[in-house]
Every structure is written in C-alpha cells, then in structure tokens.
C-alpha cells in the first residue's frame, strides 16, 4: 500500500519530536521537507532547550 505524502514545516517536525511522535508519523507517511526546513532544524538544534533537543531528533531523520 502506498503511503500518503505530506509536507512538514519546521514547527510541525519540532512539535512531533517534542511529543515523541515523529517516528510514528515517519513510519506511516512519506514526509517531505524543503532544504529551508532542514536548514532551520539544523540551526535550531544548536539551542540548549526543549526545542533544540527536539530539532536535533527531527534533523537526525533527514
């Protein structure tokens, strides 16, 4: 069965990673992100806070 594709922005990926749901979403959907989102996740991953840690988890998937 073909997965549904969806486009995710930075905020969505960080929110999903913060709630420990990113792996589930990635297993169920074909998630597409732009180079800009990857760059934003990379920059955000340097923050020493909840969002930075979530961005690190999100960025590691791409």
N, C-alpha and C. Protein backbone atom coordinates (compact mmCIF):
# COMPACT_ATOMS: atom_id res chain seq x y z
N UNK A 1 0.83 -1.18 0.00
CA UNK A 1 0.00 0.00 0.00
C UNK A 1 0.88 1.24 0.00
N UNK A 2 0.53 2.19 -0.82
CA UNK A 2 1.29 3.42 -0.98
C UNK A 2 1.02 4.37 0.19
N UNK A 3 2.10 4.96 0.73
CA UNK A 3 1.96 5.92 1.82
C UNK A 3 1.47 7.26 1.29
N UNK A 4 0.73 7.94 2.10
CA UNK A 4 0.30 9.31 1.79
C UNK A 4 1.49 10.23 2.02
N UNK A 5 1.73 11.14 1.08
CA UNK A 5 2.80 12.12 1.23
C UNK A 5 2.27 13.37 1.90
N UNK A 6 3.09 13.93 2.77
CA UNK A 6 2.74 15.22 3.35
C UNK A 6 3.99 16.06 3.49
N UNK A 7 3.79 17.36 3.41
CA UNK A 7 4.89 18.32 3.53
C UNK A 7 4.87 18.88 4.93
N UNK A 8 5.99 18.81 5.63
CA UNK A 8 6.07 19.29 7.01
C UNK A 8 6.96 20.51 7.11
N UNK A 9 6.53 21.46 7.93
CA UNK A 9 7.38 22.61 8.20
C UNK A 9 8.15 22.38 9.49
N UNK A 10 9.02 23.31 9.80
CA UNK A 10 9.90 23.18 10.96
C UNK A 10 9.10 23.02 12.25
N UNK A 11 8.12 23.86 12.44
CA UNK A 11 7.33 23.82 13.67
C UNK A 11 6.64 22.48 13.85
N UNK A 12 6.09 21.93 12.79
CA UNK A 12 5.41 20.64 12.88
C UNK A 12 6.38 19.54 13.28
N UNK A 13 7.55 19.52 12.67
CA UNK A 13 8.53 18.48 12.99
C UNK A 13 9.02 18.59 14.43
N UNK A 14 9.28 19.81 14.88
CA UNK A 14 9.73 20.01 16.26
C UNK A 14 8.63 19.61 17.24
N UNK A 15 7.40 19.97 16.94
CA UNK A 15 6.29 19.60 17.82
C UNK A 15 6.12 18.09 17.89
N UNK A 16 6.19 17.42 16.75
CA UNK A 16 6.07 15.97 16.74
C UNK A 16 7.21 15.30 17.50
N UNK A 17 8.42 15.82 17.32
CA UNK A 17 9.58 15.26 18.03
C UNK A 17 9.47 15.51 19.53
N UNK A 18 8.96 16.69 19.92
CA UNK A 18 8.79 17.00 21.34
C UNK A 18 7.80 16.05 22.01
N UNK A 19 6.80 15.64 21.27
CA UNK A 19 5.78 14.74 21.80
C UNK A 19 6.12 13.27 21.56
N UNK A 20 7.34 13.00 21.10
CA UNK A 20 7.79 11.63 20.79
C UNK A 20 6.88 10.93 19.79
N UNK A 21 6.38 11.69 18.82
CA UNK A 21 5.50 11.13 17.79
C UNK A 21 6.12 11.13 16.40
N UNK A 22 7.30 11.71 16.27
CA UNK A 22 7.90 11.84 14.94
C UNK A 22 8.15 10.48 14.29
N UNK A 23 8.66 9.53 15.03
CA UNK A 23 8.93 8.20 14.46
C UNK A 23 7.66 7.55 13.93
N UNK A 24 6.58 7.71 14.67
CA UNK A 24 5.30 7.14 14.24
C UNK A 24 4.84 7.79 12.93
N UNK A 25 4.91 9.10 12.86
CA UNK A 25 4.50 9.81 11.64
C UNK A 25 5.37 9.40 10.47
N UNK A 26 6.68 9.31 10.69
CA UNK A 26 7.58 8.93 9.60
C UNK A 26 7.35 7.50 9.13
N UNK A 27 6.88 6.64 10.02
CA UNK A 27 6.61 5.26 9.61
C UNK A 27 5.30 5.13 8.84
N UNK A 28 4.37 6.05 9.07
CA UNK A 28 3.06 5.97 8.44
C UNK A 28 2.90 6.83 7.19
N UNK A 29 3.72 7.87 7.06
CA UNK A 29 3.60 8.82 5.95
C UNK A 29 4.94 9.03 5.28
N UNK A 30 4.88 9.41 4.01
CA UNK A 30 6.06 9.84 3.28
C UNK A 30 6.18 11.34 3.53
N UNK A 31 7.05 11.72 4.47
CA UNK A 31 7.17 13.12 4.88
C UNK A 31 8.21 13.81 4.01
N UNK A 32 7.81 14.94 3.43
CA UNK A 32 8.67 15.71 2.55
C UNK A 32 9.00 17.04 3.24
N UNK A 33 10.26 17.42 3.21
CA UNK A 33 10.67 18.71 3.76
C UNK A 33 11.54 19.43 2.74
N UNK A 34 11.53 20.74 2.82
CA UNK A 34 12.36 21.54 1.92
C UNK A 34 13.75 21.72 2.51
N UNK A 35 14.67 22.18 1.69
CA UNK A 35 16.02 22.48 2.16
C UNK A 35 16.00 23.57 3.23
N UNK A 36 15.06 24.48 3.12
CA UNK A 36 14.94 25.55 4.12
C UNK A 36 14.59 24.95 5.48
N UNK A 37 13.66 24.01 5.51
CA UNK A 37 13.28 23.36 6.77
C UNK A 37 14.47 22.62 7.36
N UNK A 38 15.22 21.91 6.55
CA UNK A 38 16.41 21.21 7.03
C UNK A 38 17.39 22.20 7.63
N UNK A 39 17.58 23.34 6.97
CA UNK A 39 18.47 24.38 7.50
C UNK A 39 17.97 24.95 8.81
N UNK A 40 16.66 25.16 8.91
CA UNK A 40 16.08 25.67 10.16
C UNK A 40 16.23 24.67 11.30
N UNK A 41 16.02 23.39 11.01
CA UNK A 41 16.21 22.36 12.03
C UNK A 41 17.67 22.30 12.46
N UNK A 42 18.57 22.43 11.52
CA UNK A 42 19.99 22.41 11.84
C UNK A 42 20.34 23.58 12.76
N UNK A 43 19.85 24.78 12.42
CA UNK A 43 20.13 25.96 13.25
C UNK A 43 19.49 25.82 14.63
N UNK A 44 18.26 25.35 14.67
CA UNK A 44 17.54 25.22 15.93
C UNK A 44 18.16 24.16 16.83
N UNK A 45 18.80 23.16 16.23
CA UNK A 45 19.38 22.07 17.01
C UNK A 45 20.54 22.55 17.88
N UNK A 46 21.04 23.75 17.65
CA UNK A 46 22.12 24.30 18.47
C UNK A 46 21.60 24.92 19.76
N UNK A 47 20.29 25.12 19.88
CA UNK A 47 19.70 25.72 21.08
C UNK A 47 19.76 24.72 22.23
N UNK A 48 20.05 25.21 23.40
CA UNK A 48 20.13 24.36 24.58
C UNK A 48 18.81 24.42 25.34
N UNK A 49 17.75 23.92 24.71
CA UNK A 49 16.43 23.91 25.32
C UNK A 49 15.61 22.77 24.72
N UNK A 50 14.36 22.70 25.12
CA UNK A 50 13.47 21.63 24.64
C UNK A 50 13.36 21.63 23.13
N UNK A 51 13.22 22.81 22.54
CA UNK A 51 13.08 22.88 21.09
C UNK A 51 14.36 22.47 20.38
N UNK A 52 15.48 22.84 20.94
CA UNK A 52 16.75 22.45 20.35
C UNK A 52 16.95 20.94 20.35
N UNK A 53 16.60 20.32 21.47
CA UNK A 53 16.70 18.85 21.54
C UNK A 53 15.72 18.18 20.58
N UNK A 54 14.52 18.73 20.47
CA UNK A 54 13.53 18.17 19.54
C UNK A 54 14.00 18.36 18.10
N UNK A 55 14.59 19.51 17.80
CA UNK A 55 15.10 19.75 16.44
C UNK A 55 16.22 18.79 16.13
N UNK A 56 17.04 18.48 17.11
CA UNK A 56 18.12 17.51 16.91
C UNK A 56 17.55 16.15 16.54
N UNK A 57 16.48 15.74 17.23
CA UNK A 57 15.82 14.47 16.90
C UNK A 57 15.21 14.54 15.51
N UNK A 58 14.57 15.65 15.19
CA UNK A 58 13.95 15.82 13.87
C UNK A 58 14.98 15.88 12.77
N UNK A 59 16.06 16.60 13.02
CA UNK A 59 17.09 16.77 12.00
C UNK A 59 17.79 15.45 11.71
N UNK A 60 17.93 14.62 12.72
CA UNK A 60 18.59 13.34 12.54
C UNK A 60 17.88 12.42 11.56
N UNK A 61 16.61 12.72 11.25
CA UNK A 61 15.83 11.88 10.34
C UNK A 61 16.08 12.24 8.88
N UNK A 62 16.76 13.38 8.64
CA UNK A 62 16.92 13.85 7.26
C UNK A 62 18.35 13.97 6.85
